Amino acid sequence: MNQKKVVVIPARLASQRLPNKVLLDLAGKPVIRRVYEQAMQASGIDAVYIATDSPEVPRCRKYAASLPTMCS
């Protein structure tokens, strides 16, 4: 059986220590984009998904190639 390997990146904005961390600019790119790009470079990964509880992260779609999935 050939199973696909996926990465799910949790992107919560309600962080206690650093609110909106995933949208913060880090050397010209939002943190979520940098995490996404690193996950895409991992060997053996078939897909990368961004899971979020906030409508702000999907608005950041221009920074990440994957359409974030809304979760509750």
PDB file of N, CA and C in Angstrom:
ATOM      1  N   MET A   1       0.837  -1.171   0.000  1.00  0.00           N
ATOM      2  CA  MET A   1       0.000   0.000   0.000  1.00  0.00           C
ATOM      3  C   MET A   1       0.894   1.250   0.000  1.00  0.00           C
ATOM      4  N   ASN A   2       0.612   2.169  -0.902  1.00  0.00           N
ATOM      5  CA  ASN A   2       1.387   3.400  -1.008  1.00  0.00           C
ATOM      6  C   ASN A   2       0.603   4.548  -0.377  1.00  0.00           C
ATOM      7  N   GLN A   3       0.993   4.957   0.815  1.00  0.00           N
ATOM      8  CA  GLN A   3       0.298   6.036   1.513  1.00  0.00           C
ATOM      9  C   GLN A   3       0.979   7.371   1.241  1.00  0.00           C
ATOM     10  N   LYS A   4       0.156   8.411   1.121  1.00  0.00           N
ATOM     11  CA  LYS A   4       0.692   9.752   0.937  1.00  0.00           C
ATOM     12  C   LYS A   4       1.087  10.336   2.280  1.00  0.00           C
ATOM     13  N   LYS A   5       2.138  11.142   2.264  1.00  0.00           N
ATOM     14  CA  LYS A   5       2.592  11.818   3.473  1.00  0.00           C
ATOM     15  C   LYS A   5       2.270  13.297   3.346  1.00  0.00           C
ATOM     16  N   VAL A   6       1.549  13.808   4.339  1.00  0.00           N
ATOM     17  CA  VAL A   6       1.157  15.210   4.317  1.00  0.00           C
ATOM     18  C   VAL A   6       1.650  15.917   5.571  1.00  0.00           C
ATOM     19  N   VAL A   7       1.776  17.216   5.463  1.00  0.00           N
ATOM     20  CA  VAL A   7       2.127  18.069   6.593  1.00  0.00           C
ATOM     21  C   VAL A   7       0.941  18.995   6.824  1.00  0.00           C
ATOM     22  N   VAL A   8       0.510  19.132   8.071  1.00  0.00           N
ATOM     23  CA  VAL A   8      -0.532  20.076   8.437  1.00  0.00           C
ATOM     24  C   VAL A   8       0.104  21.104   9.362  1.00  0.00           C
ATOM     25  N   ILE A   9       0.085  22.357   8.943  1.00  0.00           N
ATOM     26  CA  ILE A   9       0.675  23.438   9.719  1.00  0.00           C
ATOM     27  C   ILE A   9      -0.440  24.156  10.474  1.00  0.00           C
ATOM     28  N   PRO A  10      -0.439  24.085  11.806  1.00  0.00           N
ATOM     29  CA  PRO A  10      -1.444  24.830  12.568  1.00  0.00           C
ATOM     30  C   PRO A  10      -1.081  26.314  12.576  1.00  0.00           C
ATOM     31  N   ALA A  11      -2.030  27.168  12.234  1.00  0.00           N
ATOM     32  CA  ALA A  11      -1.767  28.609  12.160  1.00  0.00           C
ATOM     33  C   ALA A  11      -2.798  29.364  12.996  1.00  0.00           C
ATOM     34  N   ARG A  12      -2.599  29.363  14.299  1.00  0.00           N
ATOM     35  CA  ARG A  12      -3.501  30.066  15.217  1.00  0.00           C
ATOM     36  C   ARG A  12      -3.013  31.500  15.414  1.00  0.00           C
ATOM     37  N   LEU A  13      -3.947  32.424  15.447  1.00  0.00           N
ATOM     38  CA  LEU A  13      -3.582  33.817  15.710  1.00  0.00           C
ATOM     39  C   LEU A  13      -3.692  34.164  17.185  1.00  0.00           C
ATOM     40  N   ALA A  14      -4.390  33.378  17.951  1.00  0.00           N
ATOM     41  CA  ALA A  14      -4.650  33.689  19.356  1.00  0.00           C
ATOM     42  C   ALA A  14      -3.566  33.178  20.293  1.00  0.00           C
ATOM     43  N   SER A  15      -2.340  33.253  19.882  1.00  0.00           N
ATOM     44  CA  SER A  15      -1.226  32.814  20.723  1.00  0.00           C
ATOM     45  C   SER A  15      -1.159  33.653  21.996  1.00  0.00           C
ATOM     46  N   GLN A  16      -0.868  33.021  23.114  1.00  0.00           N
ATOM     47  CA  GLN A  16      -0.780  33.734  24.392  1.00  0.00           C
ATOM     48  C   GLN A  16       0.460  34.611  24.463  1.00  0.00           C
ATOM     49  N   ARG A  17       1.599  34.086  24.065  1.00  0.00           N
ATOM     50  CA  ARG A  17       2.859  34.822  24.211  1.00  0.00           C
ATOM     51  C   ARG A  17       3.126  35.812  23.098  1.00  0.00           C
ATOM     52  N   LEU A  18       2.720  35.496  21.870  1.00  0.00           N
ATOM     53  CA  LEU A  18       2.993  36.377  20.738  1.00  0.00           C
ATOM     54  C   LEU A  18       1.804  36.346  19.775  1.00  0.00           C
ATOM     55  N   PRO A  19       0.772  37.155  20.056  1.00  0.00           N
ATOM     56  CA  PRO A  19      -0.411  37.165  19.192  1.00  0.00           C
ATOM     57  C   PRO A  19      -0.062  37.487  17.736  1.00  0.00           C
ATOM     58  N   ASN A  20      -0.769  36.848  16.827  1.00  0.00           N
ATOM     59  CA  ASN A  20      -0.592  37.038  15.376  1.00  0.00           C
ATOM     60  C   ASN A  20       0.793  36.648  14.875  1.00  0.00           C
ATOM     61  N   LYS A  21       1.446  35.759  15.583  1.00  0.00           N
ATOM     62  CA  LYS A  21       2.808  35.352  15.230  1.00  0.00           C
ATOM     63  C   LYS A  21       2.929  34.880  13.784  1.00  0.00           C
ATOM     64  N   VAL A  22       1.978  34.115  13.300  1.00  0.00           N
ATOM     65  CA  VAL A  22       2.099  33.541  11.953  1.00  0.00           C
ATOM     66  C   VAL A  22       2.052  34.596  10.854  1.00  0.00           C
ATOM     67  N   LEU A  23       1.528  35.788  11.168  1.00  0.00           N
ATOM     68  CA  LEU A  23       1.449  36.855  10.167  1.00  0.00           C
ATOM     69  C   LEU A  23       2.594  37.855  10.276  1.00  0.00           C
ATOM     70  N   LEU A  24       3.425  37.720  11.304  1.00  0.00           N
ATOM     71  CA  LEU A  24       4.530  38.661  11.485  1.00  0.00           C
ATOM     72  C   LEU A  24       5.547  38.545  10.348  1.00  0.00           C
ATOM     73  N   ASP A  25       6.096  39.673   9.973  1.00  0.00           N
ATOM     74  CA  ASP A  25       7.098  39.719   8.912  1.00  0.00           C
ATOM     75  C   ASP A  25       8.440  39.235   9.449  1.00  0.00           C
ATOM     76  N   LEU A  26       9.034  38.312   8.739  1.00  0.00           N
ATOM     77  CA  LEU A  26      10.355  37.793   9.087  1.00  0.00           C
ATOM     78  C   LEU A  26      11.221  37.881   7.836  1.00  0.00           C
ATOM     79  N   ALA A  27      12.058  38.908   7.793  1.00  0.00           N
ATOM     80  CA  ALA A  27      12.943  39.138   6.638  1.00  0.00           C
ATOM     81  C   ALA A  27      12.164  39.228   5.328  1.00  0.00           C
ATOM     82  N   GLY A  28      11.055  39.958   5.353  1.00  0.00           N
ATOM     83  CA  GLY A  28      10.302  40.209   4.125  1.00  0.00           C
ATOM     84  C   GLY A  28       9.184  39.238   3.803  1.00  0.00           C
ATOM     85  N   LYS A  29       8.994  38.205   4.620  1.00  0.00           N
ATOM     86  CA  LYS A  29       7.924  37.234   4.397  1.00  0.00           C
ATOM     87  C   LYS A  29       7.228  36.947   5.716  1.00  0.00           C
ATOM     88  N   PRO A  30       5.912  36.698   5.677  1.00  0.00           N
ATOM     89  CA  PRO A  30       5.225  36.289   6.897  1.00  0.00           C
ATOM     90  C   PRO A  30       5.775  34.939   7.396  1.00  0.00           C
ATOM     91  N   VAL A  31       5.736  34.746   8.683  1.00  0.00           N
ATOM     92  CA  VAL A  31       6.229  33.505   9.288  1.00  0.00           C
ATOM     93  C   VAL A  31       5.546  32.292   8.660  1.00  0.00           C
ATOM     94  N   ILE A  32       4.245  32.372   8.412  1.00  0.00           N
ATOM     95  CA  ILE A  32       3.513  31.227   7.856  1.00  0.00           C
ATOM     96  C   ILE A  32       4.068  30.841   6.483  1.00  0.00           C
ATOM     97  N   ARG A  33       4.477  31.815   5.698  1.00  0.00           N
ATOM     98  CA  ARG A  33       5.053  31.500   4.385  1.00  0.00           C
ATOM     99  C   ARG A  33       6.384  30.773   4.541  1.00  0.00           C
ATOM    100  N   ARG A  34       7.208  31.219   5.467  1.00  0.00           N
ATOM    101  CA  ARG A  34       8.506  30.570   5.683  1.00  0.00           C
ATOM    102  C   ARG A  34       8.325  29.118   6.144  1.00  0.00           C
ATOM    103  N   VAL A  35       7.369  28.903   7.038  1.00  0.00           N
ATOM    104  CA  VAL A  35       7.098  27.540   7.516  1.00  0.00           C
ATOM    105  C   VAL A  35       6.600  26.673   6.357  1.00  0.00           C
ATOM    106  N   TYR A  36       5.693  27.225   5.549  1.00  0.00           N
ATOM    107  CA  TYR A  36       5.163  26.498   4.392  1.00  0.00           C
ATOM    108  C   TYR A  36       6.282  26.124   3.424  1.00  0.00           C
ATOM    109  N   GLU A  37       7.148  27.075   3.107  1.00  0.00           N
ATOM    110  CA  GLU A  37       8.234  26.809   2.162  1.00  0.00           C
ATOM    111  C   GLU A  37       9.187  25.729   2.669  1.00  0.00           C
ATOM    112  N   GLN A  38       9.481  25.756   3.957  1.00  0.00           N
ATOM    113  CA  GLN A  38      10.356  24.733   4.533  1.00  0.00           C
ATOM    114  C   GLN A  38       9.692  23.356   4.486  1.00  0.00           C
ATOM    115  N   ALA A  39       8.397  23.314   4.787  1.00  0.00           N
ATOM    116  CA  ALA A  39       7.675  22.037   4.744  1.00  0.00           C
ATOM    117  C   ALA A  39       7.650  21.478   3.320  1.00  0.00           C
ATOM    118  N   MET A  40       7.493  22.346   2.322  1.00  0.00           N
ATOM    119  CA  MET A  40       7.468  21.898   0.925  1.00  0.00           C
ATOM    120  C   MET A  40       8.814  21.320   0.493  1.00  0.00           C
ATOM    121  N   GLN A  41       9.887  21.742   1.119  1.00  0.00           N
ATOM    122  CA  GLN A  41      11.215  21.248   0.762  1.00  0.00           C
ATOM    123  C   GLN A  41      11.572  19.935   1.449  1.00  0.00           C
ATOM    124  N   ALA A  42      10.775  19.534   2.431  1.00  0.00           N
ATOM    125  CA  ALA A  42      11.062  18.288   3.143  1.00  0.00           C
ATOM    126  C   ALA A  42      10.923  17.112   2.185  1.00  0.00           C
ATOM    127  N   SER A  43      11.804  16.162   2.309  1.00  0.00           N
ATOM    128  CA  SER A  43      11.785  15.032   1.392  1.00  0.00           C
ATOM    129  C   SER A  43      10.658  14.054   1.743  1.00  0.00           C
ATOM    130  N   GLY A  44      10.021  13.533   0.720  1.00  0.00           N
ATOM    131  CA  GLY A  44       8.987  12.526   0.894  1.00  0.00           C
ATOM    132  C   GLY A  44       7.610  13.071   1.224  1.00  0.00           C
ATOM    133  N   ILE A  45       7.431  14.386   1.199  1.00  0.00           N
ATOM    134  CA  ILE A  45       6.141  14.987   1.524  1.00  0.00           C
ATOM    135  C   ILE A  45       5.334  15.165   0.243  1.00  0.00           C
ATOM    136  N   ASP A  46       4.080  14.703   0.268  1.00  0.00           N
ATOM    137  CA  ASP A  46       3.217  14.797  -0.900  1.00  0.00           C
ATOM    138  C   ASP A  46       2.375  16.063  -0.933  1.00  0.00           C
ATOM    139  N   ALA A  47       2.025  16.597   0.241  1.00  0.00           N
ATOM    140  CA  ALA A  47       1.189  17.801   0.295  1.00  0.00           C
ATOM    141  C   ALA A  47       1.409  18.516   1.617  1.00  0.00           C
ATOM    142  N   VAL A  48       1.198  19.834   1.574  1.00  0.00           N
ATOM    143  CA  VAL A  48       1.305  20.658   2.775  1.00  0.00           C
ATOM    144  C   VAL A  48       0.015  21.455   2.896  1.00  0.00           C
ATOM    145  N   TYR A  49      -0.603  21.417   4.076  1.00  0.00           N
ATOM    146  CA  TYR A  49      -1.844  22.137   4.330  1.00  0.00           C
ATOM    147  C   TYR A  49      -1.649  23.087   5.498  1.00  0.00           C
ATOM    148  N   ILE A  50      -2.334  24.226   5.437  1.00  0.00           N
ATOM    149  CA  ILE A  50      -2.328  25.185   6.532  1.00  0.00           C
ATOM    150  C   ILE A  50      -3.714  25.141   7.163  1.00  0.00           C
ATOM    151  N   ALA A  51      -3.774  24.816   8.461  1.00  0.00           N
ATOM    152  CA  ALA A  51      -5.044  24.759   9.189  1.00  0.00           C
ATOM    153  C   ALA A  51      -5.118  25.970  10.113  1.00  0.00           C
ATOM    154  N   THR A  52      -6.214  26.709  10.042  1.00  0.00           N
ATOM    155  CA  THR A  52      -6.335  27.919  10.857  1.00  0.00           C
ATOM    156  C   THR A  52      -7.737  28.065  11.424  1.00  0.00           C
ATOM    157  N   ASP A  53      -7.835  28.871  12.484  1.00  0.00           N
ATOM    158  CA  ASP A  53      -9.117  29.172  13.103  1.00  0.00           C
ATOM    159  C   ASP A  53      -9.485  30.639  12.862  1.00  0.00           C
ATOM    160  N   SER A  54      -8.731  31.311  12.002  1.00  0.00           N
ATOM    161  CA  SER A  54      -8.926  32.744  11.808  1.00  0.00           C
ATOM    162  C   SER A  54      -9.073  33.109  10.337  1.00  0.00           C
ATOM    163  N   PRO A  55      -9.980  34.020  10.028  1.00  0.00           N
ATOM    164  CA  PRO A  55     -10.121  34.478   8.645  1.00  0.00           C
ATOM    165  C   PRO A  55      -8.944  35.345   8.182  1.00  0.00           C
ATOM    166  N   GLU A  56      -8.101  35.786   9.085  1.00  0.00           N
ATOM    167  CA  GLU A  56      -6.941  36.602   8.718  1.00  0.00           C
ATOM    168  C   GLU A  56      -5.891  35.791   7.949  1.00  0.00           C
ATOM    169  N   VAL A  57      -5.728  34.535   8.291  1.00  0.00           N
ATOM    170  CA  VAL A  57      -4.700  33.714   7.637  1.00  0.00           C
ATOM    171  C   VAL A  57      -5.040  33.453   6.167  1.00  0.00           C
ATOM    172  N   PRO A  58      -6.279  33.106   5.811  1.00  0.00           N
ATOM    173  CA  PRO A  58      -6.580  32.945   4.379  1.00  0.00           C
ATOM    174  C   PRO A  58      -6.366  34.231   3.581  1.00  0.00           C
ATOM    175  N   ARG A  59      -6.532  35.385   4.212  1.00  0.00           N
ATOM    176  CA  ARG A  59      -6.270  36.648   3.513  1.00  0.00           C
ATOM    177  C   ARG A  59      -4.791  36.794   3.194  1.00  0.00           C
ATOM    178  N   CYS A  60      -3.987  36.033   3.891  1.00  0.00           N
ATOM    179  CA  CYS A  60      -2.542  36.041   3.690  1.00  0.00           C
ATOM    180  C   CYS A  60      -2.159  35.050   2.588  1.00  0.00           C
ATOM    181  N   ARG A  61      -3.129  34.512   1.869  1.00  0.00           N
ATOM    182  CA  ARG A  61      -2.888  33.478   0.858  1.00  0.00           C
ATOM    183  C   ARG A  61      -1.849  33.888  -0.181  1.00  0.00           C
ATOM    184  N   LYS A  62      -1.762  35.174  -0.484  1.00  0.00           N
ATOM    185  CA  LYS A  62      -0.781  35.608  -1.476  1.00  0.00           C
ATOM    186  C   LYS A  62       0.640  35.309  -1.025  1.00  0.00           C
ATOM    187  N   TYR A  63       0.814  35.033   0.253  1.00  0.00           N
ATOM    188  CA  TYR A  63       2.136  34.737   0.788  1.00  0.00           C
ATOM    189  C   TYR A  63       2.433  33.253   0.855  1.00  0.00           C
ATOM    190  N   ALA A  64       1.416  32.426   0.774  1.00  0.00           N
ATOM    191  CA  ALA A  64       1.609  30.975   0.826  1.00  0.00           C
ATOM    192  C   ALA A  64       0.822  30.341  -0.312  1.00  0.00           C
ATOM    193  N   ALA A  65       1.400  29.390  -0.972  1.00  0.00           N
ATOM    194  CA  ALA A  65       0.767  28.791  -2.146  1.00  0.00           C
ATOM    195  C   ALA A  65      -0.401  27.881  -1.794  1.00  0.00           C
ATOM    196  N   SER A  66      -0.477  27.432  -0.539  1.00  0.00           N
ATOM    197  CA  SER A  66      -1.570  26.547  -0.141  1.00  0.00           C
ATOM    198  C   SER A  66      -2.721  27.353   0.423  1.00  0.00           C
ATOM    199  N   LEU A  67      -3.941  27.064  -0.009  1.00  0.00           N
ATOM    200  CA  LEU A  67      -5.105  27.730   0.536  1.00  0.00           C
ATOM    201  C   LEU A  67      -5.346  27.208   1.955  1.00  0.00           C
ATOM    202  N   PRO A  68      -5.278  28.070   2.962  1.00  0.00           N
ATOM    203  CA  PRO A  68      -5.507  27.608   4.328  1.00  0.00           C
ATOM    204  C   PRO A  68      -6.909  27.028   4.512  1.00  0.00           C
ATOM    205  N   THR A  69      -7.005  26.028   5.350  1.00  0.00           N
ATOM    206  CA  THR A  69      -8.257  25.364   5.655  1.00  0.00           C
ATOM    207  C   THR A  69      -8.776  25.874   6.994  1.00  0.00           C
ATOM    208  N   MET A  70     -10.016  26.347   7.017  1.00  0.00           N
ATOM    209  CA  MET A  70     -10.595  26.860   8.259  1.00  0.00           C
ATOM    210  C   MET A  70     -10.967  25.699   9.178  1.00  0.00           C
ATOM    211  N   CYS A  71     -10.607  25.835  10.441  1.00  0.00           N
ATOM    212  CA  CYS A  71     -10.921  24.854  11.462  1.00  0.00           C
ATOM    213  C   CYS A  71     -11.519  25.572  12.654  1.00  0.00           C
ATOM    214  N   SER A  72     -12.230  24.851  13.483  1.00  0.00           N
ATOM    215  CA  SER A  72     -12.771  25.497  14.690  1.00  0.00           C
ATOM    216  C   SER A  72     -12.066  24.985  15.916  1.00  0.00           C
TER     217      SER A  72
END
